Amino acid sequence: MPWEYKVYPLPRDLALPKRKDQTPEQAVSQTIERLLNEMAVGGWEYYRTETVNVSELPGCLGSLLGQKEVTRSFNFIVFRRPRSSS
């Protein structure tokens, strides 16, 4: 079955208001749960979470100044749904 996909970046940091009635873990869970439910309404199902590492090499001047390669990680949440046959 052919699929179509949507990929959303997960934020590195999530700023949430401090609440007495829930822990930070519950607040993060609720935020992700909201995204999952919003996507489900459109027929999208959660497929997987991916981490992509990106290495950035210094430019010419940066190399001359001794800058090192920097690797950053990005997290994504992937949704899929059957591709329409139209």
PDB file of N, CA and C in Angstrom:
ATOM      1  N   MET A   1       0.847  -1.172   0.000  1.00  0.00           N
ATOM      2  CA  MET A   1       0.000   0.000   0.000  1.00  0.00           C
ATOM      3  C   MET A   1       0.898   1.242   0.000  1.00  0.00           C
ATOM      4  N   PRO A   2       0.670   2.166  -0.928  1.00  0.00           N
ATOM      5  CA  PRO A   2       1.464   3.395  -0.920  1.00  0.00           C
ATOM      6  C   PRO A   2       1.001   4.346   0.191  1.00  0.00           C
ATOM      7  N   TRP A   3       1.947   5.013   0.813  1.00  0.00           N
ATOM      8  CA  TRP A   3       1.676   5.921   1.923  1.00  0.00           C
ATOM      9  C   TRP A   3       2.132   7.330   1.573  1.00  0.00           C
ATOM     10  N   GLU A   4       1.525   8.304   2.236  1.00  0.00           N
ATOM     11  CA  GLU A   4       2.074   9.646   2.230  1.00  0.00           C
ATOM     12  C   GLU A   4       2.449   9.969   3.669  1.00  0.00           C
ATOM     13  N   TYR A   5       3.452  10.813   3.831  1.00  0.00           N
ATOM     14  CA  TYR A   5       4.008  11.083   5.153  1.00  0.00           C
ATOM     15  C   TYR A   5       4.017  12.571   5.463  1.00  0.00           C
ATOM     16  N   LYS A   6       3.942  12.882   6.742  1.00  0.00           N
ATOM     17  CA  LYS A   6       4.138  14.242   7.250  1.00  0.00           C
ATOM     18  C   LYS A   6       5.156  14.136   8.368  1.00  0.00           C
ATOM     19  N   VAL A   7       6.094  15.060   8.377  1.00  0.00           N
ATOM     20  CA  VAL A   7       7.157  15.050   9.377  1.00  0.00           C
ATOM     21  C   VAL A   7       7.149  16.392  10.110  1.00  0.00           C
ATOM     22  N   TYR A   8       7.116  16.331  11.433  1.00  0.00           N
ATOM     23  CA  TYR A   8       7.126  17.539  12.260  1.00  0.00           C
ATOM     24  C   TYR A   8       8.353  17.518  13.156  1.00  0.00           C
ATOM     25  N   PRO A   9       9.058  18.645  13.249  1.00  0.00           N
ATOM     26  CA  PRO A   9      10.185  18.702  14.189  1.00  0.00           C
ATOM     27  C   PRO A   9       9.667  18.786  15.621  1.00  0.00           C
ATOM     28  N   LEU A  10      10.294  18.039  16.492  1.00  0.00           N
ATOM     29  CA  LEU A  10       9.989  18.162  17.916  1.00  0.00           C
ATOM     30  C   LEU A  10      10.904  19.243  18.474  1.00  0.00           C
ATOM     31  N   PRO A  11      10.385  20.141  19.276  1.00  0.00           N
ATOM     32  CA  PRO A  11      11.227  21.234  19.777  1.00  0.00           C
ATOM     33  C   PRO A  11      12.327  20.717  20.687  1.00  0.00           C
ATOM     34  N   ARG A  12      13.475  21.367  20.618  1.00  0.00           N
ATOM     35  CA  ARG A  12      14.580  21.017  21.512  1.00  0.00           C
ATOM     36  C   ARG A  12      14.194  21.327  22.953  1.00  0.00           C
ATOM     37  N   ASP A  13      13.575  22.466  23.132  1.00  0.00           N
ATOM     38  CA  ASP A  13      13.151  22.913  24.454  1.00  0.00           C
ATOM     39  C   ASP A  13      11.676  23.274  24.387  1.00  0.00           C
ATOM     40  N   LEU A  14      10.981  22.965  25.430  1.00  0.00           N
ATOM     41  CA  LEU A  14       9.554  23.252  25.490  1.00  0.00           C
ATOM     42  C   LEU A  14       9.299  24.113  26.724  1.00  0.00           C
ATOM     43  N   ALA A  15       8.858  25.336  26.505  1.00  0.00           N
ATOM     44  CA  ALA A  15       8.566  26.239  27.622  1.00  0.00           C
ATOM     45  C   ALA A  15       7.088  26.111  27.976  1.00  0.00           C
ATOM     46  N   LEU A  16       6.830  25.615  29.150  1.00  0.00           N
ATOM     47  CA  LEU A  16       5.455  25.421  29.608  1.00  0.00           C
ATOM     48  C   LEU A  16       5.253  26.180  30.911  1.00  0.00           C
ATOM     49  N   PRO A  17       4.072  26.745  31.100  1.00  0.00           N
ATOM     50  CA  PRO A  17       3.824  27.426  32.375  1.00  0.00           C
ATOM     51  C   PRO A  17       3.827  26.418  33.527  1.00  0.00           C
ATOM     52  N   LYS A  18       4.368  26.840  34.646  1.00  0.00           N
ATOM     53  CA  LYS A  18       4.404  25.965  35.819  1.00  0.00           C
ATOM     54  C   LYS A  18       3.001  25.850  36.398  1.00  0.00           C
ATOM     55  N   ARG A  19       2.585  24.621  36.614  1.00  0.00           N
ATOM     56  CA  ARG A  19       1.251  24.374  37.165  1.00  0.00           C
ATOM     57  C   ARG A  19       1.377  23.465  38.376  1.00  0.00           C
ATOM     58  N   LYS A  20       0.549  23.730  39.349  1.00  0.00           N
ATOM     59  CA  LYS A  20       0.566  22.911  40.567  1.00  0.00           C
ATOM     60  C   LYS A  20      -0.088  21.556  40.354  1.00  0.00           C
ATOM     61  N   ASP A  21      -0.992  21.485  39.369  1.00  0.00           N
ATOM     62  CA  ASP A  21      -1.780  20.266  39.203  1.00  0.00           C
ATOM     63  C   ASP A  21      -1.157  19.244  38.252  1.00  0.00           C
ATOM     64  N   GLN A  22       0.040  19.528  37.694  1.00  0.00           N
ATOM     65  CA  GLN A  22       0.677  18.523  36.841  1.00  0.00           C
ATOM     66  C   GLN A  22       2.192  18.670  36.855  1.00  0.00           C
ATOM     67  N   THR A  23       2.853  17.536  36.693  1.00  0.00           N
ATOM     68  CA  THR A  23       4.310  17.517  36.653  1.00  0.00           C
ATOM     69  C   THR A  23       4.780  17.934  35.258  1.00  0.00           C
ATOM     70  N   PRO A  24       6.059  18.282  35.104  1.00  0.00           N
ATOM     71  CA  PRO A  24       6.573  18.595  33.769  1.00  0.00           C
ATOM     72  C   PRO A  24       6.385  17.431  32.789  1.00  0.00           C
ATOM     73  N   GLU A  25       6.552  16.201  33.274  1.00  0.00           N
ATOM     74  CA  GLU A  25       6.364  15.034  32.409  1.00  0.00           C
ATOM     75  C   GLU A  25       4.936  14.969  31.883  1.00  0.00           C
ATOM     76  N   GLN A  26       3.981  15.257  32.753  1.00  0.00           N
ATOM     77  CA  GLN A  26       2.579  15.245  32.332  1.00  0.00           C
ATOM     78  C   GLN A  26       2.305  16.349  31.315  1.00  0.00           C
ATOM     79  N   ALA A  27       2.911  17.513  31.504  1.00  0.00           N
ATOM     80  CA  ALA A  27       2.707  18.624  30.571  1.00  0.00           C
ATOM     81  C   ALA A  27       3.262  18.290  29.189  1.00  0.00           C
ATOM     82  N   VAL A  28       4.449  17.688  29.151  1.00  0.00           N
ATOM     83  CA  VAL A  28       5.040  17.300  27.866  1.00  0.00           C
ATOM     84  C   VAL A  28       4.190  16.217  27.215  1.00  0.00           C
ATOM     85  N   SER A  29       3.772  15.230  27.996  1.00  0.00           N
ATOM     86  CA  SER A  29       2.925  14.157  27.461  1.00  0.00           C
ATOM     87  C   SER A  29       1.641  14.716  26.880  1.00  0.00           C
ATOM     88  N   GLN A  30       1.047  15.663  27.581  1.00  0.00           N
ATOM     89  CA  GLN A  30      -0.203  16.266  27.119  1.00  0.00           C
ATOM     90  C   GLN A  30       0.010  17.028  25.803  1.00  0.00           C
ATOM     91  N   THR A  31       1.135  17.713  25.670  1.00  0.00           N
ATOM     92  CA  THR A  31       1.437  18.455  24.446  1.00  0.00           C
ATOM     93  C   THR A  31       1.580  17.508  23.259  1.00  0.00           C
ATOM     94  N   ILE A  32       2.310  16.411  23.447  1.00  0.00           N
ATOM     95  CA  ILE A  32       2.495  15.442  22.367  1.00  0.00           C
ATOM     96  C   ILE A  32       1.177  14.729  22.066  1.00  0.00           C
ATOM     97  N   GLU A  33       0.426  14.412  23.102  1.00  0.00           N
ATOM     98  CA  GLU A  33      -0.877  13.762  22.921  1.00  0.00           C
ATOM     99  C   GLU A  33      -1.812  14.642  22.090  1.00  0.00           C
ATOM    100  N   ARG A  34      -1.784  15.939  22.342  1.00  0.00           N
ATOM    101  CA  ARG A  34      -2.622  16.871  21.586  1.00  0.00           C
ATOM    102  C   ARG A  34      -2.254  16.826  20.095  1.00  0.00           C
ATOM    103  N   LEU A  35      -0.955  16.820  19.785  1.00  0.00           N
ATOM    104  CA  LEU A  35      -0.517  16.742  18.390  1.00  0.00           C
ATOM    105  C   LEU A  35      -0.974  15.431  17.752  1.00  0.00           C
ATOM    106  N   LEU A  36      -0.815  14.322  18.464  1.00  0.00           N
ATOM    107  CA  LEU A  36      -1.234  13.022  17.929  1.00  0.00           C
ATOM    108  C   LEU A  36      -2.727  13.010  17.622  1.00  0.00           C
ATOM    109  N   ASN A  37      -3.533  13.538  18.531  1.00  0.00           N
ATOM    110  CA  ASN A  37      -4.984  13.556  18.321  1.00  0.00           C
ATOM    111  C   ASN A  37      -5.397  14.499  17.199  1.00  0.00           C
ATOM    112  N   GLU A  38      -4.729  15.652  17.086  1.00  0.00           N
ATOM    113  CA  GLU A  38      -5.027  16.581  15.989  1.00  0.00           C
ATOM    114  C   GLU A  38      -4.731  15.929  14.638  1.00  0.00           C
ATOM    115  N   MET A  39      -3.633  15.221  14.557  1.00  0.00           N
ATOM    116  CA  MET A  39      -3.263  14.573  13.299  1.00  0.00           C
ATOM    117  C   MET A  39      -4.215  13.420  12.984  1.00  0.00           C
ATOM    118  N   ALA A  40      -4.671  12.708  14.006  1.00  0.00           N
ATOM    119  CA  ALA A  40      -5.588  11.582  13.794  1.00  0.00           C
ATOM    120  C   ALA A  40      -6.898  12.047  13.171  1.00  0.00           C
ATOM    121  N   VAL A  41      -7.354  13.240  13.532  1.00  0.00           N
ATOM    122  CA  VAL A  41      -8.590  13.778  12.954  1.00  0.00           C
ATOM    123  C   VAL A  41      -8.458  13.890  11.437  1.00  0.00           C
ATOM    124  N   GLY A  42      -7.267  14.206  10.952  1.00  0.00           N
ATOM    125  CA  GLY A  42      -7.026  14.326   9.514  1.00  0.00           C
ATOM    126  C   GLY A  42      -6.682  13.002   8.846  1.00  0.00           C
ATOM    127  N   GLY A  43      -6.805  11.902   9.586  1.00  0.00           N
ATOM    128  CA  GLY A  43      -6.529  10.591   9.007  1.00  0.00           C
ATOM    129  C   GLY A  43      -5.073  10.159   9.104  1.00  0.00           C
ATOM    130  N   TRP A  44      -4.254  10.940   9.808  1.00  0.00           N
ATOM    131  CA  TRP A  44      -2.836  10.606   9.947  1.00  0.00           C
ATOM    132  C   TRP A  44      -2.638   9.723  11.168  1.00  0.00           C
ATOM    133  N   GLU A  45      -1.804   8.697  11.031  1.00  0.00           N
ATOM    134  CA  GLU A  45      -1.462   7.852  12.175  1.00  0.00           C
ATOM    135  C   GLU A  45       0.007   8.058  12.516  1.00  0.00           C
ATOM    136  N   TYR A  46       0.300   7.959  13.813  1.00  0.00           N
ATOM    137  CA  TYR A  46       1.690   8.041  14.253  1.00  0.00           C
ATOM    138  C   TYR A  46       2.445   6.873  13.646  1.00  0.00           C
ATOM    139  N   TYR A  47       3.610   7.153  13.069  1.00  0.00           N
ATOM    140  CA  TYR A  47       4.415   6.096  12.468  1.00  0.00           C
ATOM    141  C   TYR A  47       5.682   5.843  13.282  1.00  0.00           C
ATOM    142  N   ARG A  48       6.441   6.889  13.562  1.00  0.00           N
ATOM    143  CA  ARG A  48       7.673   6.711  14.317  1.00  0.00           C
ATOM    144  C   ARG A  48       8.278   8.054  14.693  1.00  0.00           C
ATOM    145  N   THR A  49       9.267   8.006  15.544  1.00  0.00           N
ATOM    146  CA  THR A  49      10.057   9.178  15.897  1.00  0.00           C
ATOM    147  C   THR A  49      11.463   8.940  15.370  1.00  0.00           C
ATOM    148  N   GLU A  50      12.034   9.947  14.751  1.00  0.00           N
ATOM    149  CA  GLU A  50      13.361   9.838  14.154  1.00  0.00           C
ATOM    150  C   GLU A  50      14.295  10.883  14.748  1.00  0.00           C
ATOM    151  N   THR A  51      15.558  10.531  14.873  1.00  0.00           N
ATOM    152  CA  THR A  51      16.605  11.475  15.240  1.00  0.00           C
ATOM    153  C   THR A  51      17.575  11.557  14.073  1.00  0.00           C
ATOM    154  N   VAL A  52      17.866  12.777  13.653  1.00  0.00           N
ATOM    155  CA  VAL A  52      18.805  13.001  12.556  1.00  0.00           C
ATOM    156  C   VAL A  52      19.960  13.829  13.106  1.00  0.00           C
ATOM    157  N   ASN A  53      21.180  13.349  12.902  1.00  0.00           N
ATOM    158  CA  ASN A  53      22.372  14.082  13.309  1.00  0.00           C
ATOM    159  C   ASN A  53      22.918  14.835  12.109  1.00  0.00           C
ATOM    160  N   VAL A  54      23.194  16.109  12.300  1.00  0.00           N
ATOM    161  CA  VAL A  54      23.712  16.951  11.228  1.00  0.00           C
ATOM    162  C   VAL A  54      25.081  17.467  11.652  1.00  0.00           C
ATOM    163  N   SER A  55      26.094  17.177  10.832  1.00  0.00           N
ATOM    164  CA  SER A  55      27.440  17.677  11.094  1.00  0.00           C
ATOM    165  C   SER A  55      27.678  18.918  10.255  1.00  0.00           C
ATOM    166  N   GLU A  56      28.093  19.978  10.914  1.00  0.00           N
ATOM    167  CA  GLU A  56      28.385  21.234  10.232  1.00  0.00           C
ATOM    168  C   GLU A  56      29.888  21.449  10.252  1.00  0.00           C
ATOM    169  N   LEU A  57      30.468  21.490   9.067  1.00  0.00           N
ATOM    170  CA  LEU A  57      31.900  21.722   8.951  1.00  0.00           C
ATOM    171  C   LEU A  57      32.169  23.221   8.976  1.00  0.00           C
ATOM    172  N   PRO A  58      33.282  23.635   9.570  1.00  0.00           N
ATOM    173  CA  PRO A  58      33.591  25.059   9.552  1.00  0.00           C
ATOM    174  C   PRO A  58      33.926  25.507   8.131  1.00  0.00           C
ATOM    175  N   GLY A  59      33.681  26.766   7.858  1.00  0.00           N
ATOM    176  CA  GLY A  59      34.030  27.316   6.551  1.00  0.00           C
ATOM    177  C   GLY A  59      35.536  27.517   6.447  1.00  0.00           C
ATOM    178  N   CYS A  60      35.967  28.114   5.355  1.00  0.00           N
ATOM    179  CA  CYS A  60      37.405  28.326   5.122  1.00  0.00           C
ATOM    180  C   CYS A  60      38.047  29.110   6.261  1.00  0.00           C
ATOM    181  N   LEU A  61      37.447  30.227   6.612  1.00  0.00           N
ATOM    182  CA  LEU A  61      38.008  31.064   7.670  1.00  0.00           C
ATOM    183  C   LEU A  61      37.936  30.349   9.014  1.00  0.00           C
ATOM    184  N   GLY A  62      36.813  29.669   9.266  1.00  0.00           N
ATOM    185  CA  GLY A  62      36.669  28.929  10.514  1.00  0.00           C
ATOM    186  C   GLY A  62      37.731  27.850  10.658  1.00  0.00           C
ATOM    187  N   SER A  63      38.046  27.162   9.569  1.00  0.00           N
ATOM    188  CA  SER A  63      39.091  26.133   9.600  1.00  0.00           C
ATOM    189  C   SER A  63      40.435  26.745   9.946  1.00  0.00           C
ATOM    190  N   LEU A  64      40.713  27.893   9.353  1.00  0.00           N
ATOM    191  CA  LEU A  64      41.986  28.573   9.629  1.00  0.00           C
ATOM    192  C   LEU A  64      42.072  29.022  11.089  1.00  0.00           C
ATOM    193  N   LEU A  65      40.926  29.336  11.677  1.00  0.00           N
ATOM    194  CA  LEU A  65      40.896  29.794  13.069  1.00  0.00           C
ATOM    195  C   LEU A  65      40.755  28.645  14.064  1.00  0.00           C
ATOM    196  N   GLY A  66      40.780  27.410  13.561  1.00  0.00           N
ATOM    197  CA  GLY A  66      40.759  26.245  14.441  1.00  0.00           C
ATOM    198  C   GLY A  66      39.387  25.779  14.882  1.00  0.00           C
ATOM    199  N   GLN A  67      38.344  26.261  14.236  1.00  0.00           N
ATOM    200  CA  GLN A  67      37.006  25.797  14.607  1.00  0.00           C
ATOM    201  C   GLN A  67      36.848  24.328  14.240  1.00  0.00           C
ATOM    202  N   LYS A  68      36.121  23.615  15.064  1.00  0.00           N
ATOM    203  CA  LYS A  68      35.902  22.180  14.867  1.00  0.00           C
ATOM    204  C   LYS A  68      34.529  21.924  14.259  1.00  0.00           C
ATOM    205  N   GLU A  69      34.386  20.733  13.748  1.00  0.00           N
ATOM    206  CA  GLU A  69      33.078  20.280  13.263  1.00  0.00           C
ATOM    207  C   GLU A  69      32.097  20.241  14.434  1.00  0.00           C
ATOM    208  N   VAL A  70      30.870  20.673  14.180  1.00  0.00           N
ATOM    209  CA  VAL A  70      29.830  20.671  15.208  1.00  0.00           C
ATOM    210  C   VAL A  70      28.718  19.731  14.751  1.00  0.00           C
ATOM    211  N   THR A  71      28.320  18.816  15.625  1.00  0.00           N
ATOM    212  CA  THR A  71      27.227  17.895  15.310  1.00  0.00           C
ATOM    213  C   THR A  71      26.038  18.233  16.203  1.00  0.00           C
ATOM    214  N   ARG A  72      24.885  18.401  15.561  1.00  0.00           N
ATOM    215  CA  ARG A  72      23.648  18.689  16.292  1.00  0.00           C
ATOM    216  C   ARG A  72      22.630  17.611  15.961  1.00  0.00           C
ATOM    217  N   SER A  73      21.791  17.300  16.932  1.00  0.00           N
ATOM    218  CA  SER A  73      20.743  16.295  16.742  1.00  0.00           C
ATOM    219  C   SER A  73      19.386  16.978  16.655  1.00  0.00           C
ATOM    220  N   PHE A  74      18.552  16.471  15.751  1.00  0.00           N
ATOM    221  CA  PHE A  74      17.198  16.969  15.583  1.00  0.00           C
ATOM    222  C   PHE A  74      16.242  15.790  15.695  1.00  0.00           C
ATOM    223  N   ASN A  75      15.154  15.976  16.435  1.00  0.00           N
ATOM    224  CA  ASN A  75      14.147  14.928  16.607  1.00  0.00           C
ATOM    225  C   ASN A  75      12.898  15.289  15.823  1.00  0.00           C
ATOM    226  N   PHE A  76      12.345  14.286  15.158  1.00  0.00           N
ATOM    227  CA  PHE A  76      11.159  14.471  14.335  1.00  0.00           C
ATOM    228  C   PHE A  76      10.130  13.413  14.680  1.00  0.00           C
ATOM    229  N   ILE A  77       8.857  13.771  14.554  1.00  0.00           N
ATOM    230  CA  ILE A  77       7.773  12.809  14.709  1.00  0.00           C
ATOM    231  C   ILE A  77       7.158  12.622  13.322  1.00  0.00           C
ATOM    232  N   VAL A  78       6.976  11.366  12.932  1.00  0.00           N
ATOM    233  CA  VAL A  78       6.528  11.033  11.577  1.00  0.00           C
ATOM    234  C   VAL A  78       5.120  10.438  11.638  1.00  0.00           C
ATOM    235  N   PHE A  79       4.257  10.961  10.772  1.00  0.00           N
ATOM    236  CA  PHE A  79       2.889  10.460  10.622  1.00  0.00           C
ATOM    237  C   PHE A  79       2.729   9.931   9.205  1.00  0.00           C
ATOM    238  N   ARG A  80       1.805   9.003   9.034  1.00  0.00           N
ATOM    239  CA  ARG A  80       1.518   8.503   7.690  1.00  0.00           C
ATOM    240  C   ARG A  80       0.028   8.223   7.551  1.00  0.00           C
ATOM    241  N   ARG A  81      -0.400   8.171   6.295  1.00  0.00           N
ATOM    242  CA  ARG A  81      -1.771   7.755   5.974  1.00  0.00           C
ATOM    243  C   ARG A  81      -1.742   7.183   4.571  1.00  0.00           C
ATOM    244  N   PRO A  82      -2.711   6.317   4.258  1.00  0.00           N
ATOM    245  CA  PRO A  82      -2.747   5.750   2.912  1.00  0.00           C
ATOM    246  C   PRO A  82      -2.910   6.867   1.875  1.00  0.00           C
ATOM    247  N   ARG A  83      -2.160   6.736   0.799  1.00  0.00           N
ATOM    248  CA  ARG A  83      -2.245   7.711  -0.280  1.00  0.00           C
ATOM    249  C   ARG A  83      -3.567   7.514  -1.003  1.00  0.00           C
ATOM    250  N   SER A  84      -4.239   8.625  -1.293  1.00  0.00           N
ATOM    251  CA  SER A  84      -5.514   8.516  -2.018  1.00  0.00           C
ATOM    252  C   SER A  84      -5.230   8.074  -3.447  1.00  0.00           C
ATOM    253  N   SER A  85      -6.134   7.309  -4.014  1.00  0.00           N
ATOM    254  CA  SER A  85      -5.921   6.738  -5.352  1.00  0.00           C
ATOM    255  C   SER A  85      -6.368   7.671  -6.465  1.00  0.00           C
ATOM    256  N   SER A  86      -6.721   8.916  -6.160  1.00  0.00           N
ATOM    257  CA  SER A  86      -7.196   9.839  -7.197  1.00  0.00           C
ATOM    258  C   SER A  86      -6.076  10.429  -8.012  1.00  0.00           C
TER     259      SER A  86
END
